[in-house]
């Protein structure tokens, strides 16, 4: 169970970082123009979405049904 929980956290953070990089690339902007606050909010929201689904599929029960 502990291994799956660690996997959920790591995979969620990696997905959030990758999705943020993708958003910046798709919209053709830079970190200077996008601002650090927007970057953090996009990373947090994408990581949260990944966390919810990974919790469901890996059955770690962070979120109770």
PDB file of N, CA and C in Angstrom:
ATOM      1  N   UNK A   1       0.821  -1.191   0.000  1.00  0.00           N
ATOM      2  CA  UNK A   1       0.000   0.000   0.000  1.00  0.00           C
ATOM      3  C   UNK A   1       0.868   1.259   0.000  1.00  0.00           C
ATOM      4  N   UNK A   2       1.936   1.241   0.789  1.00  0.00           N
ATOM      5  CA  UNK A   2       2.804   2.411   0.868  1.00  0.00           C
ATOM      6  C   UNK A   2       3.455   2.701  -0.476  1.00  0.00           C
ATOM      7  N   UNK A   3       3.851   1.661  -1.181  1.00  0.00           N
ATOM      8  CA  UNK A   3       4.472   1.848  -2.496  1.00  0.00           C
ATOM      9  C   UNK A   3       3.496   2.492  -3.464  1.00  0.00           C
ATOM     10  N   UNK A   4       2.262   2.051  -3.441  1.00  0.00           N
ATOM     11  CA  UNK A   4       1.253   2.635  -4.331  1.00  0.00           C
ATOM     12  C   UNK A   4       0.973   4.085  -3.968  1.00  0.00           C
ATOM     13  N   UNK A   5       0.973   4.400  -2.690  1.00  0.00           N
ATOM     14  CA  UNK A   5       0.728   5.782  -2.272  1.00  0.00           C
ATOM     15  C   UNK A   5       1.866   6.702  -2.703  1.00  0.00           C
ATOM     16  N   UNK A   6       3.083   6.237  -2.565  1.00  0.00           N
ATOM     17  CA  UNK A   6       4.228   7.029  -3.022  1.00  0.00           C
ATOM     18  C   UNK A   6       4.167   7.205  -4.533  1.00  0.00           C
ATOM     19  N   UNK A   7       3.793   6.155  -5.236  1.00  0.00           N
ATOM     20  CA  UNK A   7       3.655   6.225  -6.689  1.00  0.00           C
ATOM     21  C   UNK A   7       2.603   7.245  -7.103  1.00  0.00           C
ATOM     22  N   UNK A   8       1.495   7.312  -6.375  1.00  0.00           N
ATOM     23  CA  UNK A   8       0.445   8.292  -6.680  1.00  0.00           C
ATOM     24  C   UNK A   8       0.991   9.712  -6.552  1.00  0.00           C
ATOM     25  N   UNK A   9       1.714   9.992  -5.490  1.00  0.00           N
ATOM     26  CA  UNK A   9       2.262  11.333  -5.291  1.00  0.00           C
ATOM     27  C   UNK A   9       3.283  11.693  -6.369  1.00  0.00           C
ATOM     28  N   UNK A  10       4.212  10.791  -6.627  1.00  0.00           N
ATOM     29  CA  UNK A  10       5.270  11.084  -7.598  1.00  0.00           C
ATOM     30  C   UNK A  10       4.700  11.231  -9.001  1.00  0.00           C
ATOM     31  N   UNK A  11       3.832  10.318  -9.403  1.00  0.00           N
ATOM     32  CA  UNK A  11       3.246  10.384 -10.742  1.00  0.00           C
ATOM     33  C   UNK A  11       2.388  11.635 -10.912  1.00  0.00           C
ATOM     34  N   UNK A  12       1.676  12.030  -9.873  1.00  0.00           N
ATOM     35  CA  UNK A  12       0.850  13.234  -9.946  1.00  0.00           C
ATOM     36  C   UNK A  12       1.708  14.479 -10.135  1.00  0.00           C
ATOM     37  N   UNK A  13       2.779  14.567  -9.371  1.00  0.00           N
ATOM     38  CA  UNK A  13       3.666  15.726  -9.497  1.00  0.00           C
ATOM     39  C   UNK A  13       4.345  15.771 -10.860  1.00  0.00           C
ATOM     40  N   UNK A  14       4.773  14.620 -11.348  1.00  0.00           N
ATOM     41  CA  UNK A  14       5.394  14.577 -12.672  1.00  0.00           C
ATOM     42  C   UNK A  14       4.402  14.947 -13.766  1.00  0.00           C
ATOM     43  N   UNK A  15       3.174  14.463 -13.653  1.00  0.00           N
ATOM     44  CA  UNK A  15       2.146  14.809 -14.630  1.00  0.00           C
ATOM     45  C   UNK A  15       1.844  16.307 -14.587  1.00  0.00           C
ATOM     46  N   UNK A  16       1.769  16.874 -13.393  1.00  0.00           N
ATOM     47  CA  UNK A  16       1.527  18.313 -13.264  1.00  0.00           C
ATOM     48  C   UNK A  16       2.625  19.137 -13.911  1.00  0.00           C
ATOM     49  N   UNK A  17       3.864  18.732 -13.701  1.00  0.00           N
ATOM     50  CA  UNK A  17       4.991  19.448 -14.306  1.00  0.00           C
ATOM     51  C   UNK A  17       4.989  19.302 -15.823  1.00  0.00           C
ATOM     52  N   UNK A  18       4.729  18.093 -16.310  1.00  0.00           N
ATOM     53  CA  UNK A  18       4.703  17.862 -17.758  1.00  0.00           C
ATOM     54  C   UNK A  18       3.546  18.606 -18.417  1.00  0.00           C
ATOM     55  N   UNK A  19       2.392  18.614 -17.775  1.00  0.00           N
ATOM     56  CA  UNK A  19       1.236  19.319 -18.334  1.00  0.00           C
ATOM     57  C   UNK A  19       1.484  20.823 -18.371  1.00  0.00           C
ATOM     58  N   UNK A  20       2.124  21.349 -17.349  1.00  0.00           N
ATOM     59  CA  UNK A  20       2.441  22.775 -17.326  1.00  0.00           C
ATOM     60  C   UNK A  20       3.415  23.125 -18.443  1.00  0.00           C
ATOM     61  N   UNK A  21       4.430  22.302 -18.617  1.00  0.00           N
ATOM     62  CA  UNK A  21       5.367  22.518 -19.716  1.00  0.00           C
ATOM     63  C   UNK A  21       4.634  22.465 -21.052  1.00  0.00           C
ATOM     64  N   UNK A  22       3.715  21.512 -21.193  1.00  0.00           N
ATOM     65  CA  UNK A  22       2.934  21.394 -22.422  1.00  0.00           C
ATOM     66  C   UNK A  22       2.074  22.614 -22.683  1.00  0.00           C
ATOM     67  N   UNK A  23       1.436  23.137 -21.650  1.00  0.00           N
ATOM     68  CA  UNK A  23       0.599  24.335 -21.806  1.00  0.00           C
ATOM     69  C   UNK A  23       1.445  25.517 -22.256  1.00  0.00           C
ATOM     70  N   UNK A  24       2.600  25.670 -21.658  1.00  0.00           N
ATOM     71  CA  UNK A  24       3.482  26.782 -22.026  1.00  0.00           C
ATOM     72  C   UNK A  24       3.933  26.642 -23.477  1.00  0.00           C
ATOM     73  N   UNK A  25       4.247  25.431 -23.906  1.00  0.00           N
ATOM     74  CA  UNK A  25       4.683  25.203 -25.281  1.00  0.00           C
ATOM     75  C   UNK A  25       3.547  25.376 -26.282  1.00  0.00           C
ATOM     76  N   UNK A  26       2.366  24.854 -25.969  1.00  0.00           N
ATOM     77  CA  UNK A  26       1.229  24.932 -26.895  1.00  0.00           C
ATOM     78  C   UNK A  26       0.834  26.380 -27.148  1.00  0.00           C
ATOM     79  N   UNK A  27       0.846  27.193 -26.110  1.00  0.00           N
ATOM     80  CA  UNK A  27       0.452  28.586 -26.272  1.00  0.00           C
ATOM     81  C   UNK A  27       1.607  29.481 -26.701  1.00  0.00           C
ATOM     82  N   UNK A  28       2.771  28.907 -26.887  1.00  0.00           N
ATOM     83  CA  UNK A  28       3.912  29.649 -27.417  1.00  0.00           C
ATOM     84  C   UNK A  28       4.336  30.820 -26.546  1.00  0.00           C
ATOM     85  N   UNK A  29       4.338  30.630 -25.259  1.00  0.00           N
ATOM     86  CA  UNK A  29       4.730  31.696 -24.351  1.00  0.00           C
ATOM     87  C   UNK A  29       6.019  31.305 -23.634  1.00  0.00           C
ATOM     88  N   UNK A  30       6.461  32.145 -22.749  1.00  0.00           N
ATOM     89  CA  UNK A  30       7.659  31.870 -21.957  1.00  0.00           C
ATOM     90  C   UNK A  30       7.302  31.968 -20.478  1.00  0.00           C
ATOM     91  N   UNK A  31       8.201  31.515 -19.636  1.00  0.00           N
ATOM     92  CA  UNK A  31       7.969  31.601 -18.195  1.00  0.00           C
ATOM     93  C   UNK A  31       7.886  33.054 -17.738  1.00  0.00           C
ATOM     94  N   UNK A  32       8.623  33.940 -18.385  1.00  0.00           N
ATOM     95  CA  UNK A  32       8.579  35.355 -18.014  1.00  0.00           C
ATOM     96  C   UNK A  32       7.211  35.965 -18.299  1.00  0.00           C
ATOM     97  N   UNK A  33       6.646  35.622 -19.432  1.00  0.00           N
ATOM     98  CA  UNK A  33       5.348  36.177 -19.808  1.00  0.00           C
ATOM     99  C   UNK A  33       4.191  35.455 -19.130  1.00  0.00           C
ATOM    100  N   UNK A  34       4.350  34.190 -18.793  1.00  0.00           N
ATOM    101  CA  UNK A  34       3.270  33.392 -18.216  1.00  0.00           C
ATOM    102  C   UNK A  34       3.126  33.629 -16.717  1.00  0.00           C
ATOM    103  N   UNK A  35       4.134  34.044 -16.057  1.00  0.00           N
ATOM    104  CA  UNK A  35       4.238  34.336 -14.622  1.00  0.00           C
ATOM    105  C   UNK A  35       4.294  33.059 -13.782  1.00  0.00           C
ATOM    106  N   UNK A  36       4.991  33.168 -12.700  1.00  0.00           N
ATOM    107  CA  UNK A  36       5.205  32.021 -11.819  1.00  0.00           C
ATOM    108  C   UNK A  36       3.909  31.603 -11.126  1.00  0.00           C
ATOM    109  N   UNK A  37       3.029  32.560 -10.859  1.00  0.00           N
ATOM    110  CA  UNK A  37       1.757  32.234 -10.207  1.00  0.00           C
ATOM    111  C   UNK A  37       0.888  31.381 -11.113  1.00  0.00           C
ATOM    112  N   UNK A  38       0.777  31.760 -12.377  1.00  0.00           N
ATOM    113  CA  UNK A  38      -0.005  30.965 -13.329  1.00  0.00           C
ATOM    114  C   UNK A  38       0.602  29.580 -13.509  1.00  0.00           C
ATOM    115  N   UNK A  39       1.907  29.526 -13.549  1.00  0.00           N
ATOM    116  CA  UNK A  39       2.596  28.245 -13.687  1.00  0.00           C
ATOM    117  C   UNK A  39       2.267  27.332 -12.510  1.00  0.00           C
ATOM    118  N   UNK A  40       2.325  27.878 -11.313  1.00  0.00           N
ATOM    119  CA  UNK A  40       2.027  27.086 -10.117  1.00  0.00           C
ATOM    120  C   UNK A  40       0.568  26.631 -10.095  1.00  0.00           C
ATOM    121  N   UNK A  41      -0.344  27.498 -10.503  1.00  0.00           N
ATOM    122  CA  UNK A  41      -1.760  27.134 -10.504  1.00  0.00           C
ATOM    123  C   UNK A  41      -2.074  26.046 -11.527  1.00  0.00           C
ATOM    124  N   UNK A  42      -1.470  26.130 -12.700  1.00  0.00           N
ATOM    125  CA  UNK A  42      -1.687  25.097 -13.713  1.00  0.00           C
ATOM    126  C   UNK A  42      -1.102  23.771 -13.229  1.00  0.00           C
ATOM    127  N   UNK A  43       0.099  23.810 -12.674  1.00  0.00           N
ATOM    128  CA  UNK A  43       0.731  22.585 -12.176  1.00  0.00           C
ATOM    129  C   UNK A  43      -0.093  21.963 -11.052  1.00  0.00           C
ATOM    130  N   UNK A  44      -0.587  22.785 -10.144  1.00  0.00           N
ATOM    131  CA  UNK A  44      -1.389  22.278  -9.032  1.00  0.00           C
ATOM    132  C   UNK A  44      -2.697  21.662  -9.514  1.00  0.00           C
ATOM    133  N   UNK A  45      -3.356  22.325 -10.448  1.00  0.00           N
ATOM    134  CA  UNK A  45      -4.642  21.798 -10.922  1.00  0.00           C
ATOM    135  C   UNK A  45      -4.462  20.503 -11.713  1.00  0.00           C
ATOM    136  N   UNK A  46      -3.462  20.437 -12.557  1.00  0.00           N
ATOM    137  CA  UNK A  46      -3.223  19.214 -13.326  1.00  0.00           C
ATOM    138  C   UNK A  46      -2.774  18.067 -12.420  1.00  0.00           C
ATOM    139  N   UNK A  47      -1.926  18.379 -11.453  1.00  0.00           N
ATOM    140  CA  UNK A  47      -1.486  17.346 -10.511  1.00  0.00           C
ATOM    141  C   UNK A  47      -2.660  16.839  -9.675  1.00  0.00           C
ATOM    142  N   UNK A  48      -3.574  17.723  -9.333  1.00  0.00           N
ATOM    143  CA  UNK A  48      -4.753  17.312  -8.563  1.00  0.00           C
ATOM    144  C   UNK A  48      -5.641  16.373  -9.360  1.00  0.00           C
ATOM    145  N   UNK A  49      -5.843  16.682 -10.626  1.00  0.00           N
ATOM    146  CA  UNK A  49      -6.635  15.793 -11.478  1.00  0.00           C
ATOM    147  C   UNK A  49      -5.985  14.418 -11.597  1.00  0.00           C
ATOM    148  N   UNK A  50      -4.681  14.409 -11.798  1.00  0.00           N
ATOM    149  CA  UNK A  50      -3.968  13.137 -11.897  1.00  0.00           C
ATOM    150  C   UNK A  50      -4.044  12.375 -10.576  1.00  0.00           C
ATOM    151  N   UNK A  51      -3.944  13.086  -9.469  1.00  0.00           N
ATOM    152  CA  UNK A  51      -4.002  12.455  -8.151  1.00  0.00           C
ATOM    153  C   UNK A  51      -5.336  11.746  -7.942  1.00  0.00           C
ATOM    154  N   UNK A  52      -6.423  12.412  -8.308  1.00  0.00           N
ATOM    155  CA  UNK A  52      -7.755  11.819  -8.132  1.00  0.00           C
ATOM    156  C   UNK A  52      -7.880  10.520  -8.912  1.00  0.00           C
ATOM    157  N   UNK A  53      -7.482  10.537 -10.177  1.00  0.00           N
ATOM    158  CA  UNK A  53      -7.629   9.340 -11.005  1.00  0.00           C
ATOM    159  C   UNK A  53      -6.651   8.247 -10.611  1.00  0.00           C
ATOM    160  N   UNK A  54      -5.436   8.608 -10.259  1.00  0.00           N
ATOM    161  CA  UNK A  54      -4.482   7.589  -9.820  1.00  0.00           C
ATOM    162  C   UNK A  54      -4.920   6.961  -8.501  1.00  0.00           C
ATOM    163  N   UNK A  55      -5.475   7.762  -7.618  1.00  0.00           N
ATOM    164  CA  UNK A  55      -6.000   7.224  -6.368  1.00  0.00           C
ATOM    165  C   UNK A  55      -7.105   6.214  -6.648  1.00  0.00           C
ATOM    166  N   UNK A  56      -7.944   6.512  -7.597  1.00  0.00           N
ATOM    167  CA  UNK A  56      -9.041   5.602  -7.952  1.00  0.00           C
ATOM    168  C   UNK A  56      -8.519   4.306  -8.571  1.00  0.00           C
ATOM    169  N   UNK A  57      -7.636   4.426  -9.561  1.00  0.00           N
ATOM    170  CA  UNK A  57      -7.164   3.240 -10.274  1.00  0.00           C
ATOM    171  C   UNK A  57      -6.226   2.369  -9.435  1.00  0.00           C
ATOM    172  N   UNK A  58      -5.399   2.985  -8.612  1.00  0.00           N
ATOM    173  CA  UNK A  58      -4.462   2.215  -7.787  1.00  0.00           C
ATOM    174  C   UNK A  58      -5.052   1.824  -6.433  1.00  0.00           C
ATOM    175  N   UNK A  59      -6.265   2.281  -6.162  1.00  0.00           N
ATOM    176  CA  UNK A  59      -6.990   1.931  -4.937  1.00  0.00           C
ATOM    177  C   UNK A  59      -6.175   2.205  -3.666  1.00  0.00           C
ATOM    178  N   UNK A  60      -5.644   3.422  -3.583  1.00  0.00           N
ATOM    179  CA  UNK A  60      -4.882   3.799  -2.393  1.00  0.00           C
ATOM    180  C   UNK A  60      -5.777   4.344  -1.286  1.00  0.00           C
ATOM    181  N   UNK A  61      -7.001   4.682  -1.597  1.00  0.00           N
ATOM    182  CA  UNK A  61      -8.009   5.134  -0.630  1.00  0.00           C
ATOM    183  C   UNK A  61      -7.625   6.410   0.110  1.00  0.00           C
ATOM    184  N   UNK A  62      -6.889   7.299  -0.561  1.00  0.00           N
ATOM    185  CA  UNK A  62      -6.712   8.634   0.006  1.00  0.00           C
ATOM    186  C   UNK A  62      -8.064   9.332   0.044  1.00  0.00           C
ATOM    187  N   UNK A  63      -8.792   9.234  -1.048  1.00  0.00           N
ATOM    188  CA  UNK A  63     -10.120   9.831  -1.151  1.00  0.00           C
ATOM    189  C   UNK A  63     -11.147   8.737  -0.915  1.00  0.00           C
ATOM    190  N   UNK A  64     -11.934   8.895   0.070  1.00  0.00           N
ATOM    191  CA  UNK A  64     -12.939   7.879   0.392  1.00  0.00           C
ATOM    192  C   UNK A  64     -14.109   7.985  -0.575  1.00  0.00           C
ATOM    193  N   UNK A  65     -14.717   6.874  -0.876  1.00  0.00           N
ATOM    194  CA  UNK A  65     -15.851   6.848  -1.802  1.00  0.00           C
ATOM    195  C   UNK A  65     -17.102   7.373  -1.142  1.00  0.00           C
TER     196      UNK A  65
END
